[in-house]
């Protein structure tokens, strides 16, 4: 299968380098050097997007916010620097990963491939009924409570999927980060805690019981 990748960066040299690399590795490559062009090309529904944050005019954060309503593919931010608060903000608006410049192009290629494999596995997952009130359709990426669909951001659903498919198993924050984001989770416990908080808030608002339980000092598990 030939994947379509959209590469967005205002540095032409980076765009050309990444374009050559991914074309050589069998990808269908689209490129953009600004936010406006990126928003337009995202309408073609690429399989994955590499998105530079620090662009003049419409930066990567604004692009992500504008396209997340109709683009469901993984979005990997490219950035020269990153603080934990920046990660929380980026993941909160729908980003899936951060790649810090300068980066190893082979590592970037491996991360892209890992995200695409994860997307492919998720689309093959079936619908499962957990109790009389709750069912999860992993293929449609939708949770149903009392037959009413409940909406979750992409990474929120990814965490729900991981925990619910391993009911009763405890995952520490680092392991969740590694499994969901596909990268080393060291130092990213605050990102996981924030996502779990948002999931629980939505569960509570819908009148659901707290399916995700905290195992103090260890991590989280899905309650059987």
C-alpha atoms as a PDB file:
ATOM      1  CA  UNK A   1       0.000   0.000   0.000  1.00  0.00           C
ATOM      2  CA  UNK A   2       1.318   3.440  -0.969  1.00  0.00           C
ATOM      3  CA  UNK A   3       0.805   6.004   1.790  1.00  0.00           C
ATOM      4  CA  UNK A   4       0.266   9.711   1.161  1.00  0.00           C
ATOM      5  CA  UNK A   5       2.369  12.016   3.361  1.00  0.00           C
ATOM      6  CA  UNK A   6       2.008  15.810   3.602  1.00  0.00           C
ATOM      7  CA  UNK A   7       5.229  17.638   4.537  1.00  0.00           C
ATOM      8  CA  UNK A   8       4.817  21.211   5.804  1.00  0.00           C
ATOM      9  CA  UNK A   9       7.806  23.458   6.587  1.00  0.00           C
ATOM     10  CA  UNK A  10       8.800  26.990   5.623  1.00  0.00           C
ATOM     11  CA  UNK A  11      12.444  25.873   5.220  1.00  0.00           C
ATOM     12  CA  UNK A  12      12.741  24.762   1.587  1.00  0.00           C
ATOM     13  CA  UNK A  13      15.874  22.664   2.233  1.00  0.00           C
ATOM     14  CA  UNK A  14      14.041  20.584   4.860  1.00  0.00           C
ATOM     15  CA  UNK A  15      11.039  20.117   2.563  1.00  0.00           C
ATOM     16  CA  UNK A  16      13.278  18.936  -0.281  1.00  0.00           C
ATOM     17  CA  UNK A  17      15.283  16.601   1.963  1.00  0.00           C
ATOM     18  CA  UNK A  18      12.182  14.986   3.484  1.00  0.00           C
ATOM     19  CA  UNK A  19      10.417  14.840   0.128  1.00  0.00           C
ATOM     20  CA  UNK A  20      13.353  12.965  -1.463  1.00  0.00           C
ATOM     21  CA  UNK A  21      13.610  10.587   1.504  1.00  0.00           C
ATOM     22  CA  UNK A  22       9.948   9.613   1.598  1.00  0.00           C
ATOM     23  CA  UNK A  23       9.633   9.344  -2.180  1.00  0.00           C
ATOM     24  CA  UNK A  24      12.611   6.949  -2.184  1.00  0.00           C
ATOM     25  CA  UNK A  25      10.807   4.935   0.493  1.00  0.00           C
ATOM     26  CA  UNK A  26       7.672   4.544  -1.585  1.00  0.00           C
ATOM     27  CA  UNK A  27       5.442   7.342  -0.272  1.00  0.00           C
ATOM     28  CA  UNK A  28       3.193   9.606  -2.315  1.00  0.00           C
ATOM     29  CA  UNK A  29       4.513  13.010  -1.185  1.00  0.00           C
ATOM     30  CA  UNK A  30       2.667  16.332  -0.945  1.00  0.00           C
ATOM     31  CA  UNK A  31       4.485  19.473   0.229  1.00  0.00           C
ATOM     32  CA  UNK A  32       3.593  22.915   1.537  1.00  0.00           C
ATOM     33  CA  UNK A  33       5.798  25.802   2.664  1.00  0.00           C
ATOM     34  CA  UNK A  34       3.164  27.819   4.535  1.00  0.00           C
ATOM     35  CA  UNK A  35       0.069  27.453   6.670  1.00  0.00           C
ATOM     36  CA  UNK A  36      -2.468  28.499   4.035  1.00  0.00           C
ATOM     37  CA  UNK A  37      -1.102  26.006   1.497  1.00  0.00           C
ATOM     38  CA  UNK A  38      -0.990  23.282   4.172  1.00  0.00           C
ATOM     39  CA  UNK A  39      -4.672  23.749   5.067  1.00  0.00           C
ATOM     40  CA  UNK A  40      -5.630  23.480   1.394  1.00  0.00           C
ATOM     41  CA  UNK A  41      -3.577  20.324   0.761  1.00  0.00           C
ATOM     42  CA  UNK A  42      -4.813  18.685   3.966  1.00  0.00           C
ATOM     43  CA  UNK A  43      -8.232  18.545   2.288  1.00  0.00           C
ATOM     44  CA  UNK A  44      -6.862  15.715   0.118  1.00  0.00           C
ATOM     45  CA  UNK A  45      -6.880  13.522   3.261  1.00  0.00           C
ATOM     46  CA  UNK A  46      -3.223  12.406   3.543  1.00  0.00           C
ATOM     47  CA  UNK A  47      -2.400   9.333   5.620  1.00  0.00           C
ATOM     48  CA  UNK A  48       0.038  11.288   7.824  1.00  0.00           C
ATOM     49  CA  UNK A  49       1.216  14.908   8.170  1.00  0.00           C
ATOM     50  CA  UNK A  50       4.624  16.309   9.175  1.00  0.00           C
ATOM     51  CA  UNK A  51       3.882  19.847  10.369  1.00  0.00           C
ATOM     52  CA  UNK A  52       6.442  22.509  11.308  1.00  0.00           C
ATOM     53  CA  UNK A  53       5.317  24.611  14.274  1.00  0.00           C
ATOM     54  CA  UNK A  54       7.386  27.775  13.827  1.00  0.00           C
ATOM     55  CA  UNK A  55       6.138  29.141  10.503  1.00  0.00           C
ATOM     56  CA  UNK A  56       5.440  32.826   9.791  1.00  0.00           C
ATOM     57  CA  UNK A  57       1.802  33.832   9.403  1.00  0.00           C
ATOM     58  CA  UNK A  58      -0.325  30.764  10.136  1.00  0.00           C
ATOM     59  CA  UNK A  59       1.918  28.610  12.328  1.00  0.00           C
ATOM     60  CA  UNK A  60       1.672  24.854  12.810  1.00  0.00           C
ATOM     61  CA  UNK A  61      -0.481  25.080  15.930  1.00  0.00           C
ATOM     62  CA  UNK A  62      -3.099  27.173  14.086  1.00  0.00           C
ATOM     63  CA  UNK A  63      -2.972  24.826  11.093  1.00  0.00           C
ATOM     64  CA  UNK A  64      -3.559  21.816  13.347  1.00  0.00           C
ATOM     65  CA  UNK A  65      -6.547  23.471  15.025  1.00  0.00           C
ATOM     66  CA  UNK A  66      -8.112  24.340  11.658  1.00  0.00           C
ATOM     67  CA  UNK A  67      -7.680  20.926  10.010  1.00  0.00           C
ATOM     68  CA  UNK A  68      -8.435  18.638  12.968  1.00  0.00           C
ATOM     69  CA  UNK A  69     -12.185  18.936  12.346  1.00  0.00           C
ATOM     70  CA  UNK A  70     -11.902  17.027   9.068  1.00  0.00           C
ATOM     71  CA  UNK A  71      -8.475  15.316   9.155  1.00  0.00           C
ATOM     72  CA  UNK A  72      -8.181  12.145  11.253  1.00  0.00           C
ATOM     73  CA  UNK A  73      -4.675  11.043  10.263  1.00  0.00           C
ATOM     74  CA  UNK A  74      -1.643  11.312  12.603  1.00  0.00           C
ATOM     75  CA  UNK A  75      -0.064  14.787  12.788  1.00  0.00           C
ATOM     76  CA  UNK A  76       3.625  14.907  13.782  1.00  0.00           C
ATOM     77  CA  UNK A  77       4.930  18.332  14.800  1.00  0.00           C
ATOM     78  CA  UNK A  78       8.423  19.423  13.732  1.00  0.00           C
ATOM     79  CA  UNK A  79       9.983  21.924  16.132  1.00  0.00           C
ATOM     80  CA  UNK A  80      13.362  23.396  17.069  1.00  0.00           C
ATOM     81  CA  UNK A  81      12.566  23.253  20.795  1.00  0.00           C
ATOM     82  CA  UNK A  82       9.921  21.776  23.073  1.00  0.00           C
ATOM     83  CA  UNK A  83       8.841  22.266  26.682  1.00  0.00           C
ATOM     84  CA  UNK A  84       6.482  19.928  28.562  1.00  0.00           C
ATOM     85  CA  UNK A  85       3.767  22.617  28.551  1.00  0.00           C
ATOM     86  CA  UNK A  86       4.124  22.892  24.760  1.00  0.00           C
ATOM     87  CA  UNK A  87       3.621  19.137  24.430  1.00  0.00           C
ATOM     88  CA  UNK A  88       0.476  19.210  26.550  1.00  0.00           C
ATOM     89  CA  UNK A  89      -0.910  22.049  24.424  1.00  0.00           C
ATOM     90  CA  UNK A  90       0.009  20.334  21.153  1.00  0.00           C
ATOM     91  CA  UNK A  91      -1.448  16.980  22.121  1.00  0.00           C
ATOM     92  CA  UNK A  92      -4.533  18.739  23.446  1.00  0.00           C
ATOM     93  CA  UNK A  93      -5.341  20.240  20.025  1.00  0.00           C
ATOM     94  CA  UNK A  94      -4.865  16.955  18.194  1.00  0.00           C
ATOM     95  CA  UNK A  95      -1.138  16.479  17.585  1.00  0.00           C
ATOM     96  CA  UNK A  96       0.196  12.936  17.781  1.00  0.00           C
ATOM     97  CA  UNK A  97       3.960  13.292  18.196  1.00  0.00           C
ATOM     98  CA  UNK A  98       6.849  15.770  18.357  1.00  0.00           C
ATOM     99  CA  UNK A  99      10.037  15.576  16.324  1.00  0.00           C
ATOM    100  CA  UNK A 100      12.764  17.927  17.605  1.00  0.00           C
ATOM    101  CA  UNK A 101      15.144  19.527  15.099  1.00  0.00           C
ATOM    102  CA  UNK A 102      17.807  18.600  14.262  1.00  0.00           C
ATOM    103  CA  UNK A 103      16.560  15.031  13.887  1.00  0.00           C
ATOM    104  CA  UNK A 104      17.778  11.743  12.461  1.00  0.00           C
ATOM    105  CA  UNK A 105      15.921  11.235   9.190  1.00  0.00           C
ATOM    106  CA  UNK A 106      15.951   7.464   9.705  1.00  0.00           C
ATOM    107  CA  UNK A 107      14.397   7.853  13.168  1.00  0.00           C
ATOM    108  CA  UNK A 108      11.768  10.148  11.670  1.00  0.00           C
ATOM    109  CA  UNK A 109      11.050   7.543   8.999  1.00  0.00           C
ATOM    110  CA  UNK A 110      10.692   4.862  11.680  1.00  0.00           C
ATOM    111  CA  UNK A 111       8.269   7.011  13.681  1.00  0.00           C
ATOM    112  CA  UNK A 112       6.159   7.727  10.611  1.00  0.00           C
ATOM    113  CA  UNK A 113       6.021   4.006   9.811  1.00  0.00           C
ATOM    114  CA  UNK A 114       5.091   3.176  13.425  1.00  0.00           C
ATOM    115  CA  UNK A 115       2.196   5.644  13.423  1.00  0.00           C
ATOM    116  CA  UNK A 116       0.903   4.261  10.118  1.00  0.00           C
ATOM    117  CA  UNK A 117       1.092   0.663  11.402  1.00  0.00           C
ATOM    118  CA  UNK A 118      -0.874   1.693  14.488  1.00  0.00           C
ATOM    119  CA  UNK A 119      -3.550   3.345  12.345  1.00  0.00           C
ATOM    120  CA  UNK A 120      -3.830   0.196  10.214  1.00  0.00           C
ATOM    121  CA  UNK A 121      -4.254  -2.043  13.282  1.00  0.00           C
ATOM    122  CA  UNK A 122      -6.906   0.234  14.764  1.00  0.00           C
ATOM    123  CA  UNK A 123      -9.011   0.136  11.597  1.00  0.00           C
ATOM    124  CA  UNK A 124      -9.137  -3.658  11.782  1.00  0.00           C
ATOM    125  CA  UNK A 125     -10.385  -3.757  15.395  1.00  0.00           C
ATOM    126  CA  UNK A 126     -14.000  -4.901  15.977  1.00  0.00           C
ATOM    127  CA  UNK A 127     -16.886  -3.462  17.996  1.00  0.00           C
ATOM    128  CA  UNK A 128     -17.009  -4.797  21.559  1.00  0.00           C
ATOM    129  CA  UNK A 129     -19.810  -4.563  24.121  1.00  0.00           C
ATOM    130  CA  UNK A 130     -18.466  -4.174  27.679  1.00  0.00           C
ATOM    131  CA  UNK A 131     -21.707  -4.131  29.648  1.00  0.00           C
ATOM    132  CA  UNK A 132     -25.379  -3.252  29.161  1.00  0.00           C
ATOM    133  CA  UNK A 133     -24.511   0.449  28.779  1.00  0.00           C
ATOM    134  CA  UNK A 134     -21.105   0.600  27.098  1.00  0.00           C
ATOM    135  CA  UNK A 135     -19.873  -0.508  23.675  1.00  0.00           C
ATOM    136  CA  UNK A 136     -16.765   0.567  21.775  1.00  0.00           C
ATOM    137  CA  UNK A 137     -16.477   0.458  17.989  1.00  0.00           C
ATOM    138  CA  UNK A 138     -12.731   0.429  17.420  1.00  0.00           C
ATOM    139  CA  UNK A 139     -13.066   0.548  13.651  1.00  0.00           C
ATOM    140  CA  UNK A 140     -15.262   3.676  13.725  1.00  0.00           C
ATOM    141  CA  UNK A 141     -13.217   4.978  16.702  1.00  0.00           C
ATOM    142  CA  UNK A 142     -16.385   5.737  18.631  1.00  0.00           C
ATOM    143  CA  UNK A 143     -17.631   4.920  22.123  1.00  0.00           C
ATOM    144  CA  UNK A 144     -21.367   4.340  22.685  1.00  0.00           C
ATOM    145  CA  UNK A 145     -22.984   4.797  26.091  1.00  0.00           C
ATOM    146  CA  UNK A 146     -26.646   3.753  26.261  1.00  0.00           C
ATOM    147  CA  UNK A 147     -26.537   3.738  22.429  1.00  0.00           C
ATOM    148  CA  UNK A 148     -25.485   7.400  22.348  1.00  0.00           C
ATOM    149  CA  UNK A 149     -22.130   8.167  20.650  1.00  0.00           C
ATOM    150  CA  UNK A 150     -19.535   9.869  22.852  1.00  0.00           C
ATOM    151  CA  UNK A 151     -16.853  12.016  21.213  1.00  0.00           C
ATOM    152  CA  UNK A 152     -13.194  11.916  22.186  1.00  0.00           C
ATOM    153  CA  UNK A 153     -10.073  13.528  20.781  1.00  0.00           C
ATOM    154  CA  UNK A 154      -7.779  11.216  18.853  1.00  0.00           C
ATOM    155  CA  UNK A 155      -5.259  10.524  21.623  1.00  0.00           C
ATOM    156  CA  UNK A 156      -8.000  10.276  24.240  1.00  0.00           C
ATOM    157  CA  UNK A 157      -9.583   7.492  22.212  1.00  0.00           C
ATOM    158  CA  UNK A 158      -6.182   5.851  21.684  1.00  0.00           C
ATOM    159  CA  UNK A 159      -5.728   5.651  25.470  1.00  0.00           C
ATOM    160  CA  UNK A 160      -9.261   4.291  25.920  1.00  0.00           C
ATOM    161  CA  UNK A 161      -8.521   1.703  23.226  1.00  0.00           C
ATOM    162  CA  UNK A 162      -5.251   0.597  24.843  1.00  0.00           C
ATOM    163  CA  UNK A 163      -6.676   0.244  28.359  1.00  0.00           C
ATOM    164  CA  UNK A 164     -10.035  -1.264  27.361  1.00  0.00           C
ATOM    165  CA  UNK A 165      -8.431  -3.894  25.122  1.00  0.00           C
ATOM    166  CA  UNK A 166      -6.285  -4.988  28.099  1.00  0.00           C
ATOM    167  CA  UNK A 167      -8.983  -4.885  30.772  1.00  0.00           C
ATOM    168  CA  UNK A 168      -7.597  -5.358  34.288  1.00  0.00           C
ATOM    169  CA  UNK A 169      -3.970  -4.872  33.212  1.00  0.00           C
ATOM    170  CA  UNK A 170      -2.106  -1.993  34.860  1.00  0.00           C
ATOM    171  CA  UNK A 171      -0.144   0.388  32.593  1.00  0.00           C
ATOM    172  CA  UNK A 172       2.249   2.958  34.013  1.00  0.00           C
ATOM    173  CA  UNK A 173       2.347   6.415  32.417  1.00  0.00           C
ATOM    174  CA  UNK A 174       5.590   5.765  30.565  1.00  0.00           C
ATOM    175  CA  UNK A 175       4.197   2.568  29.034  1.00  0.00           C
ATOM    176  CA  UNK A 176       0.991   4.326  27.951  1.00  0.00           C
ATOM    177  CA  UNK A 177       3.040   7.071  26.300  1.00  0.00           C
ATOM    178  CA  UNK A 178       5.229   4.536  24.525  1.00  0.00           C
ATOM    179  CA  UNK A 179       2.258   2.478  23.287  1.00  0.00           C
ATOM    180  CA  UNK A 180       0.040   5.392  22.246  1.00  0.00           C
ATOM    181  CA  UNK A 181       2.626   7.866  20.930  1.00  0.00           C
ATOM    182  CA  UNK A 182       5.125   5.254  19.791  1.00  0.00           C
ATOM    183  CA  UNK A 183       8.083   6.938  21.507  1.00  0.00           C
ATOM    184  CA  UNK A 184      10.020   6.811  24.772  1.00  0.00           C
ATOM    185  CA  UNK A 185       7.712   8.049  27.532  1.00  0.00           C
ATOM    186  CA  UNK A 186      10.382   9.233  29.961  1.00  0.00           C
ATOM    187  CA  UNK A 187       9.443  12.604  31.419  1.00  0.00           C
ATOM    188  CA  UNK A 188       5.984  12.769  29.826  1.00  0.00           C
ATOM    189  CA  UNK A 189       3.835  11.667  32.780  1.00  0.00           C
ATOM    190  CA  UNK A 190       2.060  15.044  32.878  1.00  0.00           C
ATOM    191  CA  UNK A 191       0.841  14.555  29.306  1.00  0.00           C
ATOM    192  CA  UNK A 192      -0.780  11.222  30.224  1.00  0.00           C
ATOM    193  CA  UNK A 193      -2.280  12.608  33.437  1.00  0.00           C
ATOM    194  CA  UNK A 194      -3.885  15.472  31.502  1.00  0.00           C
ATOM    195  CA  UNK A 195      -5.387  13.116  28.900  1.00  0.00           C
ATOM    196  CA  UNK A 196      -6.757  10.798  31.608  1.00  0.00           C
ATOM    197  CA  UNK A 197      -8.286  13.825  33.362  1.00  0.00           C
ATOM    198  CA  UNK A 198     -10.054  14.875  30.154  1.00  0.00           C
ATOM    199  CA  UNK A 199     -11.347  11.349  29.517  1.00  0.00           C
ATOM    200  CA  UNK A 200     -12.729  11.095  33.050  1.00  0.00           C
ATOM    201  CA  UNK A 201     -14.399  14.511  32.750  1.00  0.00           C
ATOM    202  CA  UNK A 202     -16.196  13.348  29.592  1.00  0.00           C
ATOM    203  CA  UNK A 203     -17.163  10.027  31.215  1.00  0.00           C
ATOM    204  CA  UNK A 204     -18.610  11.912  34.158  1.00  0.00           C
ATOM    205  CA  UNK A 205     -20.494  14.405  31.966  1.00  0.00           C
ATOM    206  CA  UNK A 206     -22.136  11.515  30.096  1.00  0.00           C
ATOM    207  CA  UNK A 207     -23.183   9.855  33.371  1.00  0.00           C
ATOM    208  CA  UNK A 208     -20.792   6.954  32.882  1.00  0.00           C
ATOM    209  CA  UNK A 209     -19.102   5.072  35.672  1.00  0.00           C
ATOM    210  CA  UNK A 210     -15.311   5.608  36.017  1.00  0.00           C
ATOM    211  CA  UNK A 211     -14.056   2.776  33.806  1.00  0.00           C
ATOM    212  CA  UNK A 212     -10.440   3.951  34.202  1.00  0.00           C
ATOM    213  CA  UNK A 213      -9.066   3.313  37.686  1.00  0.00           C
ATOM    214  CA  UNK A 214      -5.901   4.799  39.191  1.00  0.00           C
ATOM    215  CA  UNK A 215      -3.542   2.285  40.771  1.00  0.00           C
ATOM    216  CA  UNK A 216      -1.662   4.651  43.067  1.00  0.00           C
ATOM    217  CA  UNK A 217       2.089   4.659  42.594  1.00  0.00           C
ATOM    218  CA  UNK A 218       1.805   2.393  39.545  1.00  0.00           C
ATOM    219  CA  UNK A 219      -0.492   3.678  36.791  1.00  0.00           C
ATOM    220  CA  UNK A 220      -3.959   3.090  35.349  1.00  0.00           C
ATOM    221  CA  UNK A 221      -6.186   0.171  34.402  1.00  0.00           C
ATOM    222  CA  UNK A 222      -9.555  -0.433  32.779  1.00  0.00           C
ATOM    223  CA  UNK A 223     -12.020  -1.809  35.333  1.00  0.00           C
ATOM    224  CA  UNK A 224     -13.479  -5.161  34.342  1.00  0.00           C
END
